[in-house]
Amino acid sequence: MKNNSMIVGIVIGLLAGILFTKINFTTIVTLVLGIWIGHYISNNKK
């Protein structure tokens, strides 16, 4: 479970860094990844 939080933190950090450089395209990618990560975490918490 700690690994998941670390991975999510790294992903959020990378997305945040990318957002500062390319907001237009990354906004859609961020939303998709956010929804996918949410689904993945919710599925693992059965």
C-alpha atoms as a PDB file:
ATOM      1  CA  MET A   1       0.000   0.000   0.000  1.00  0.00           C
ATOM      2  CA  LYS A   2       2.932   2.365   0.668  1.00  0.00           C
ATOM      3  CA  ASN A   3       4.233   1.630  -2.830  1.00  0.00           C
ATOM      4  CA  ASN A   4       0.918   2.788  -4.332  1.00  0.00           C
ATOM      5  CA  SER A   5       1.056   6.098  -2.465  1.00  0.00           C
ATOM      6  CA  MET A   6       4.665   6.610  -3.588  1.00  0.00           C
ATOM      7  CA  ILE A   7       3.782   5.862  -7.227  1.00  0.00           C
ATOM      8  CA  VAL A   8       0.786   8.207  -7.071  1.00  0.00           C
ATOM      9  CA  GLY A   9       2.969  10.923  -5.527  1.00  0.00           C
ATOM     10  CA  ILE A  10       5.612  10.513  -8.247  1.00  0.00           C
ATOM     11  CA  VAL A  11       2.954  10.578 -10.981  1.00  0.00           C
ATOM     12  CA  ILE A  12       1.345  13.700  -9.511  1.00  0.00           C
ATOM     13  CA  GLY A  13       4.777  15.353  -9.251  1.00  0.00           C
ATOM     14  CA  LEU A  14       5.613  14.516 -12.876  1.00  0.00           C
ATOM     15  CA  LEU A  15       2.188  15.704 -14.069  1.00  0.00           C
ATOM     16  CA  ALA A  16       2.589  18.930 -12.080  1.00  0.00           C
ATOM     17  CA  GLY A  17       5.985  19.550 -13.704  1.00  0.00           C
ATOM     18  CA  ILE A  18       4.583  18.821 -17.168  1.00  0.00           C
ATOM     19  CA  LEU A  19       1.560  21.061 -16.518  1.00  0.00           C
ATOM     20  CA  PHE A  20       3.852  24.045 -15.996  1.00  0.00           C
ATOM     21  CA  THR A  21       5.403  23.474 -19.439  1.00  0.00           C
ATOM     22  CA  LYS A  22       2.433  22.324 -21.527  1.00  0.00           C
ATOM     23  CA  ILE A  23      -0.973  23.120 -20.056  1.00  0.00           C
ATOM     24  CA  ASN A  24      -3.064  22.718 -23.221  1.00  0.00           C
ATOM     25  CA  PHE A  25      -2.444  19.034 -24.052  1.00  0.00           C
ATOM     26  CA  THR A  26      -1.489  17.876 -20.577  1.00  0.00           C
ATOM     27  CA  THR A  27      -4.761  19.044 -19.036  1.00  0.00           C
ATOM     28  CA  ILE A  28      -6.630  16.284 -20.895  1.00  0.00           C
ATOM     29  CA  VAL A  29      -3.925  13.727 -20.088  1.00  0.00           C
ATOM     30  CA  THR A  30      -4.011  14.721 -16.422  1.00  0.00           C
ATOM     31  CA  LEU A  31      -7.779  14.282 -16.233  1.00  0.00           C
ATOM     32  CA  VAL A  32      -7.582  10.859 -17.913  1.00  0.00           C
ATOM     33  CA  LEU A  33      -4.697   9.700 -15.717  1.00  0.00           C
ATOM     34  CA  GLY A  34      -6.420  11.044 -12.604  1.00  0.00           C
ATOM     35  CA  ILE A  35      -9.598   9.109 -13.384  1.00  0.00           C
ATOM     36  CA  TRP A  36      -7.594   5.969 -14.287  1.00  0.00           C
ATOM     37  CA  ILE A  37      -5.523   6.170 -11.087  1.00  0.00           C
ATOM     38  CA  GLY A  38      -8.709   6.673  -9.059  1.00  0.00           C
ATOM     39  CA  HIS A  39     -10.254   3.580 -10.623  1.00  0.00           C
ATOM     40  CA  TYR A  40      -7.045   1.569 -10.081  1.00  0.00           C
ATOM     41  CA  ILE A  41      -6.813   2.540  -6.396  1.00  0.00           C
ATOM     42  CA  SER A  42     -10.527   1.924  -5.764  1.00  0.00           C
ATOM     43  CA  ASN A  43     -10.224  -1.526  -7.387  1.00  0.00           C
ATOM     44  CA  ASN A  44      -7.221  -2.426  -5.195  1.00  0.00           C
ATOM     45  CA  LYS A  45      -9.083  -1.386  -2.018  1.00  0.00           C
ATOM     46  CA  LYS A  46     -11.697  -4.179  -2.359  1.00  0.00           C
END
